[in-house]
N, C-alpha and C. Protein backbone atom coordinates (compact mmCIF):
# COMPACT_ATOMS: atom_id res chain seq x y z
N MET A 1 -27.11 -9.15 21.55
CA MET A 1 -26.65 -7.92 22.13
C MET A 1 -25.58 -8.24 23.16
N THR A 2 -24.41 -7.69 22.96
CA THR A 2 -23.31 -7.94 23.88
C THR A 2 -23.11 -6.70 24.74
N ALA A 3 -23.03 -6.91 26.02
CA ALA A 3 -22.83 -5.82 26.97
C ALA A 3 -21.42 -5.91 27.54
N HIS A 4 -20.80 -4.75 27.75
CA HIS A 4 -19.46 -4.74 28.28
C HIS A 4 -19.42 -5.08 29.76
N GLY A 5 -20.47 -4.76 30.48
CA GLY A 5 -20.49 -5.05 31.89
C GLY A 5 -21.91 -5.13 32.41
N THR A 6 -22.14 -5.98 33.38
CA THR A 6 -23.46 -6.10 33.98
C THR A 6 -23.31 -6.06 35.49
N ILE A 7 -24.42 -6.20 36.19
CA ILE A 7 -24.36 -6.20 37.65
C ILE A 7 -23.58 -7.41 38.14
N ASP A 8 -23.87 -8.57 37.55
CA ASP A 8 -23.20 -9.80 37.99
C ASP A 8 -21.73 -9.83 37.60
N ARG A 9 -21.43 -9.35 36.43
CA ARG A 9 -20.05 -9.37 35.94
C ARG A 9 -19.66 -7.97 35.44
N PRO A 10 -19.26 -7.08 36.36
CA PRO A 10 -18.87 -5.73 35.92
C PRO A 10 -17.61 -5.77 35.08
N LEU A 11 -17.46 -4.74 34.27
CA LEU A 11 -16.30 -4.66 33.40
C LEU A 11 -15.01 -4.65 34.22
N THR A 12 -15.01 -3.89 35.30
CA THR A 12 -13.82 -3.83 36.15
C THR A 12 -14.23 -3.45 37.57
N HIS A 13 -13.46 -3.92 38.53
CA HIS A 13 -13.68 -3.52 39.92
C HIS A 13 -12.67 -2.46 40.35
N ASP A 14 -11.70 -2.19 39.48
CA ASP A 14 -10.66 -1.23 39.79
C ASP A 14 -11.20 0.19 39.66
N PRO A 15 -11.23 0.98 40.74
CA PRO A 15 -11.78 2.32 40.63
C PRO A 15 -10.99 3.23 39.71
N LEU A 16 -9.70 2.93 39.51
CA LEU A 16 -8.90 3.77 38.63
C LEU A 16 -9.28 3.58 37.17
N LYS A 17 -9.86 2.43 36.83
CA LYS A 17 -10.25 2.16 35.44
C LYS A 17 -11.71 2.53 35.17
N GLN A 18 -12.44 2.95 36.21
CA GLN A 18 -13.83 3.35 36.00
C GLN A 18 -13.89 4.81 35.59
N ALA A 19 -15.05 5.21 35.11
CA ALA A 19 -15.22 6.59 34.68
C ALA A 19 -15.15 7.51 35.90
N LEU A 20 -14.56 8.65 35.70
CA LEU A 20 -14.41 9.61 36.79
C LEU A 20 -15.74 10.29 37.08
N MET A 21 -15.99 10.56 38.35
CA MET A 21 -17.23 11.23 38.71
C MET A 21 -17.13 12.74 38.50
N THR A 22 -15.95 13.31 38.70
CA THR A 22 -15.76 14.75 38.49
C THR A 22 -14.98 14.95 37.21
N PRO A 23 -15.33 15.96 36.43
CA PRO A 23 -14.58 16.18 35.19
C PRO A 23 -13.16 16.62 35.50
N HIS A 24 -12.21 16.02 34.82
CA HIS A 24 -10.82 16.40 35.04
C HIS A 24 -10.42 17.40 33.96
N THR A 25 -9.72 18.42 34.40
CA THR A 25 -9.28 19.46 33.46
C THR A 25 -7.79 19.28 33.26
N THR A 26 -7.45 18.95 32.04
CA THR A 26 -6.04 18.82 31.69
C THR A 26 -5.70 19.86 30.64
N SER A 27 -4.45 19.98 30.38
CA SER A 27 -4.02 21.00 29.41
C SER A 27 -4.37 20.59 27.98
N GLU A 28 -4.47 19.23 27.71
CA GLU A 28 -4.75 18.86 26.34
C GLU A 28 -6.22 18.94 25.97
N GLN A 29 -7.12 18.85 26.96
CA GLN A 29 -8.55 18.89 26.65
C GLN A 29 -9.21 19.99 27.46
N PRO A 30 -10.06 20.76 26.82
CA PRO A 30 -10.81 21.77 27.58
C PRO A 30 -11.90 21.11 28.40
N HIS A 31 -12.45 21.86 29.34
CA HIS A 31 -13.49 21.33 30.21
C HIS A 31 -14.73 20.98 29.37
N GLY A 32 -15.27 19.77 29.57
CA GLY A 32 -16.47 19.35 28.85
C GLY A 32 -16.20 18.74 27.50
N ALA A 33 -14.93 18.60 27.11
CA ALA A 33 -14.63 18.02 25.81
C ALA A 33 -14.86 16.51 25.86
N ALA A 34 -15.33 15.96 24.75
CA ALA A 34 -15.54 14.52 24.67
C ALA A 34 -14.21 13.85 24.36
N HIS A 35 -13.82 12.90 25.16
CA HIS A 35 -12.59 12.17 24.91
C HIS A 35 -12.93 10.70 24.73
N ALA A 36 -12.29 10.06 23.79
CA ALA A 36 -12.61 8.68 23.42
C ALA A 36 -11.67 7.71 24.12
N ASP A 37 -11.83 7.59 25.41
CA ASP A 37 -11.03 6.66 26.18
C ASP A 37 -11.82 5.36 26.30
N PHE A 38 -11.30 4.24 25.83
CA PHE A 38 -12.04 2.97 25.82
C PHE A 38 -12.40 2.53 27.23
N ILE A 39 -11.47 2.69 28.18
CA ILE A 39 -11.73 2.25 29.55
C ILE A 39 -12.86 3.07 30.15
N THR A 40 -12.81 4.39 29.94
CA THR A 40 -13.87 5.26 30.45
C THR A 40 -15.20 4.92 29.78
N ALA A 41 -15.17 4.72 28.46
CA ALA A 41 -16.40 4.37 27.75
C ALA A 41 -16.94 3.03 28.24
N GLY A 42 -16.04 2.07 28.49
CA GLY A 42 -16.47 0.78 29.01
C GLY A 42 -17.10 0.90 30.38
N ALA A 43 -16.50 1.76 31.22
CA ALA A 43 -17.05 1.95 32.56
C ALA A 43 -18.41 2.63 32.48
N MET A 44 -18.56 3.57 31.57
CA MET A 44 -19.85 4.24 31.42
C MET A 44 -20.89 3.26 30.91
N THR A 45 -20.50 2.40 29.97
CA THR A 45 -21.42 1.38 29.46
C THR A 45 -21.80 0.45 30.60
N SER A 46 -20.82 0.09 31.42
CA SER A 46 -21.09 -0.78 32.56
C SER A 46 -22.09 -0.12 33.50
N ARG A 47 -21.89 1.15 33.78
CA ARG A 47 -22.83 1.85 34.66
C ARG A 47 -24.20 1.96 34.03
N GLN A 48 -24.25 2.17 32.71
CA GLN A 48 -25.54 2.24 32.03
C GLN A 48 -26.25 0.89 32.12
N ASN A 49 -25.51 -0.20 31.92
CA ASN A 49 -26.11 -1.53 32.03
C ASN A 49 -26.62 -1.77 33.45
N ARG A 50 -25.86 -1.34 34.43
CA ARG A 50 -26.31 -1.50 35.81
C ARG A 50 -27.60 -0.73 36.04
N THR A 51 -27.67 0.47 35.51
CA THR A 51 -28.88 1.27 35.67
C THR A 51 -30.05 0.57 35.01
N ARG A 52 -29.85 0.05 33.79
CA ARG A 52 -30.93 -0.64 33.09
C ARG A 52 -31.34 -1.90 33.86
N GLU A 53 -30.35 -2.64 34.37
CA GLU A 53 -30.67 -3.83 35.15
C GLU A 53 -31.45 -3.46 36.40
N MET A 54 -31.06 -2.39 37.06
CA MET A 54 -31.75 -2.00 38.29
C MET A 54 -33.16 -1.53 37.99
N GLN A 55 -33.37 -0.91 36.82
CA GLN A 55 -34.71 -0.49 36.46
C GLN A 55 -35.59 -1.69 36.14
N LEU A 56 -34.99 -2.78 35.71
CA LEU A 56 -35.77 -3.97 35.34
C LEU A 56 -35.99 -4.92 36.52
N ILE A 57 -35.38 -4.64 37.68
CA ILE A 57 -35.53 -5.52 38.84
C ILE A 57 -37.00 -5.64 39.27
N PRO A 58 -37.78 -4.56 39.39
CA PRO A 58 -39.19 -4.74 39.78
C PRO A 58 -39.97 -5.59 38.79
N GLU A 59 -39.68 -5.42 37.50
CA GLU A 59 -40.37 -6.23 36.49
C GLU A 59 -40.01 -7.71 36.65
N ALA A 60 -38.73 -7.99 36.90
CA ALA A 60 -38.30 -9.38 37.09
C ALA A 60 -38.93 -9.97 38.35
N LEU A 61 -39.01 -9.17 39.41
CA LEU A 61 -39.65 -9.65 40.64
C LEU A 61 -41.13 -9.93 40.41
N ALA A 62 -41.79 -9.04 39.68
CA ALA A 62 -43.21 -9.24 39.39
C ALA A 62 -43.41 -10.50 38.55
N ARG A 63 -42.51 -10.71 37.58
CA ARG A 63 -42.62 -11.90 36.73
C ARG A 63 -42.41 -13.18 37.57
N ALA A 64 -41.45 -13.15 38.47
CA ALA A 64 -41.21 -14.31 39.32
C ALA A 64 -42.40 -14.55 40.25
N HIS A 65 -42.97 -13.47 40.77
CA HIS A 65 -44.13 -13.59 41.65
C HIS A 65 -45.31 -14.20 40.89
N MET A 66 -45.53 -13.74 39.66
CA MET A 66 -46.63 -14.27 38.86
C MET A 66 -46.38 -15.74 38.51
N ASP A 67 -45.14 -16.10 38.23
CA ASP A 67 -44.83 -17.51 37.97
C ASP A 67 -45.14 -18.37 39.19
N ASP A 68 -44.79 -17.88 40.37
CA ASP A 68 -45.11 -18.62 41.60
C ASP A 68 -46.61 -18.77 41.78
N ARG A 69 -47.35 -17.68 41.53
CA ARG A 69 -48.81 -17.73 41.67
C ARG A 69 -49.42 -18.71 40.66
N MET A 70 -48.89 -18.72 39.43
CA MET A 70 -49.40 -19.65 38.42
C MET A 70 -49.12 -21.09 38.82
N ARG A 71 -47.92 -21.33 39.36
CA ARG A 71 -47.58 -22.68 39.83
C ARG A 71 -48.51 -23.12 40.96
N GLU A 72 -48.78 -22.19 41.90
CA GLU A 72 -49.70 -22.50 43.00
C GLU A 72 -51.10 -22.80 42.48
N ALA A 73 -51.57 -22.00 41.51
CA ALA A 73 -52.91 -22.21 40.96
C ALA A 73 -52.99 -23.56 40.23
N ASP A 74 -51.93 -23.91 39.49
CA ASP A 74 -51.91 -25.22 38.81
C ASP A 74 -51.93 -26.36 39.82
N ALA A 75 -51.15 -26.22 40.89
CA ALA A 75 -51.12 -27.27 41.91
C ALA A 75 -52.49 -27.39 42.59
N GLU A 76 -53.14 -26.26 42.83
CA GLU A 76 -54.46 -26.30 43.47
C GLU A 76 -55.49 -26.95 42.54
N ARG A 77 -55.43 -26.61 41.24
CA ARG A 77 -56.35 -27.24 40.28
C ARG A 77 -56.12 -28.75 40.22
N HIS A 78 -54.85 -29.14 40.23
CA HIS A 78 -54.52 -30.57 40.21
C HIS A 78 -55.06 -31.27 41.45
N ALA A 79 -54.90 -30.64 42.60
CA ALA A 79 -55.39 -31.23 43.86
C ALA A 79 -56.91 -31.34 43.83
N LEU A 80 -57.61 -30.32 43.33
CA LEU A 80 -59.07 -30.37 43.26
C LEU A 80 -59.53 -31.48 42.31
N ARG A 81 -58.83 -31.64 41.17
CA ARG A 81 -59.17 -32.73 40.25
C ARG A 81 -58.97 -34.09 40.91
N LEU A 82 -57.90 -34.22 41.67
CA LEU A 82 -57.62 -35.48 42.35
C LEU A 82 -58.70 -35.80 43.39
N VAL A 83 -59.12 -34.78 44.15
CA VAL A 83 -60.18 -34.98 45.15
C VAL A 83 -61.48 -35.38 44.47
N ALA A 84 -61.81 -34.71 43.36
CA ALA A 84 -63.05 -35.05 42.64
C ALA A 84 -62.98 -36.47 42.08
N ALA A 85 -61.82 -36.86 41.57
CA ALA A 85 -61.67 -38.22 41.02
C ALA A 85 -61.83 -39.27 42.12
N ARG A 86 -61.26 -39.02 43.29
CA ARG A 86 -61.41 -39.98 44.40
C ARG A 86 -62.86 -40.06 44.86
N ARG A 87 -63.55 -38.92 44.90
CA ARG A 87 -64.95 -38.90 45.28
C ARG A 87 -65.78 -39.72 44.29
N MET A 88 -65.53 -39.52 42.99
CA MET A 88 -66.26 -40.29 41.98
C MET A 88 -65.93 -41.78 42.06
N GLN A 89 -64.68 -42.10 42.39
CA GLN A 89 -64.30 -43.51 42.52
C GLN A 89 -65.05 -44.17 43.69
N ARG A 90 -65.14 -43.47 44.82
CA ARG A 90 -65.89 -44.02 45.96
C ARG A 90 -67.36 -44.19 45.62
N ARG A 91 -67.91 -43.22 44.92
CA ARG A 91 -69.31 -43.33 44.51
C ARG A 91 -69.52 -44.52 43.59
N ALA A 92 -68.61 -44.71 42.63
CA ALA A 92 -68.72 -45.86 41.71
C ALA A 92 -68.60 -47.18 42.46
N GLU A 93 -67.71 -47.22 43.45
CA GLU A 93 -67.58 -48.45 44.24
C GLU A 93 -68.86 -48.75 45.02
N ARG A 94 -69.49 -47.71 45.59
CA ARG A 94 -70.75 -47.93 46.31
C ARG A 94 -71.85 -48.40 45.37
N VAL A 95 -71.94 -47.82 44.18
CA VAL A 95 -72.94 -48.24 43.20
C VAL A 95 -72.69 -49.68 42.77
N SER A 96 -71.42 -50.04 42.58
CA SER A 96 -71.07 -51.41 42.19
C SER A 96 -71.47 -52.39 43.28
N LEU A 97 -71.20 -52.04 44.54
CA LEU A 97 -71.56 -52.90 45.66
C LEU A 97 -73.08 -53.07 45.74
N ARG A 98 -73.83 -51.97 45.53
CA ARG A 98 -75.28 -52.04 45.54
C ARG A 98 -75.80 -52.96 44.42
N ALA A 99 -75.18 -52.85 43.25
CA ALA A 99 -75.59 -53.70 42.12
C ALA A 99 -75.31 -55.16 42.43
N ARG A 100 -74.18 -55.47 43.06
CA ARG A 100 -73.87 -56.86 43.44
C ARG A 100 -74.90 -57.41 44.42
N ARG A 101 -75.23 -56.57 45.40
CA ARG A 101 -76.22 -57.00 46.39
C ARG A 101 -77.57 -57.26 45.73
N ALA A 102 -77.95 -56.36 44.83
CA ALA A 102 -79.24 -56.54 44.14
C ALA A 102 -79.22 -57.81 43.31
N LEU A 103 -78.09 -58.08 42.64
CA LEU A 103 -77.97 -59.30 41.84
C LEU A 103 -78.03 -60.53 42.73
N ALA A 104 -77.35 -60.49 43.87
CA ALA A 104 -77.36 -61.61 44.80
C ALA A 104 -78.76 -61.85 45.34
N MET A 105 -79.48 -60.78 45.66
CA MET A 105 -80.84 -60.92 46.16
C MET A 105 -81.75 -61.54 45.08
N ALA A 106 -81.52 -61.12 43.83
CA ALA A 106 -82.35 -61.64 42.74
C ALA A 106 -82.06 -63.11 42.51
N VAL A 107 -80.81 -63.53 42.64
CA VAL A 107 -80.45 -64.93 42.43
C VAL A 107 -80.97 -65.79 43.57
N MET A 108 -80.94 -65.25 44.80
CA MET A 108 -81.37 -66.01 45.97
C MET A 108 -82.89 -66.26 45.95
N ASN A 109 -83.67 -65.37 45.39
CA ASN A 109 -85.13 -65.53 45.41
C ASN A 109 -85.60 -66.27 44.24
């Protein structure tokens, strides 16, 4: 889907090339007549894209917020796994030391 203009890259910044806000009455066209001016149509498309982009801003913010929350939850899970692994490692080291002592006591007697 190709858009003529977006918020980041509008079709034109020149106000003379944008669509008019008030209908102009000329002798060749009656009031309210549809005229096929490419520049005006492009400006209207640009404004429509801006409107659509602005309507999607809350959704994009919510998506970014949820991505941040998911990243935080993953980091917290990783930290909890690391803490549990260190705790199990210390426990294994204490059990190993106890087994060595028991073996040494058995050899000494």
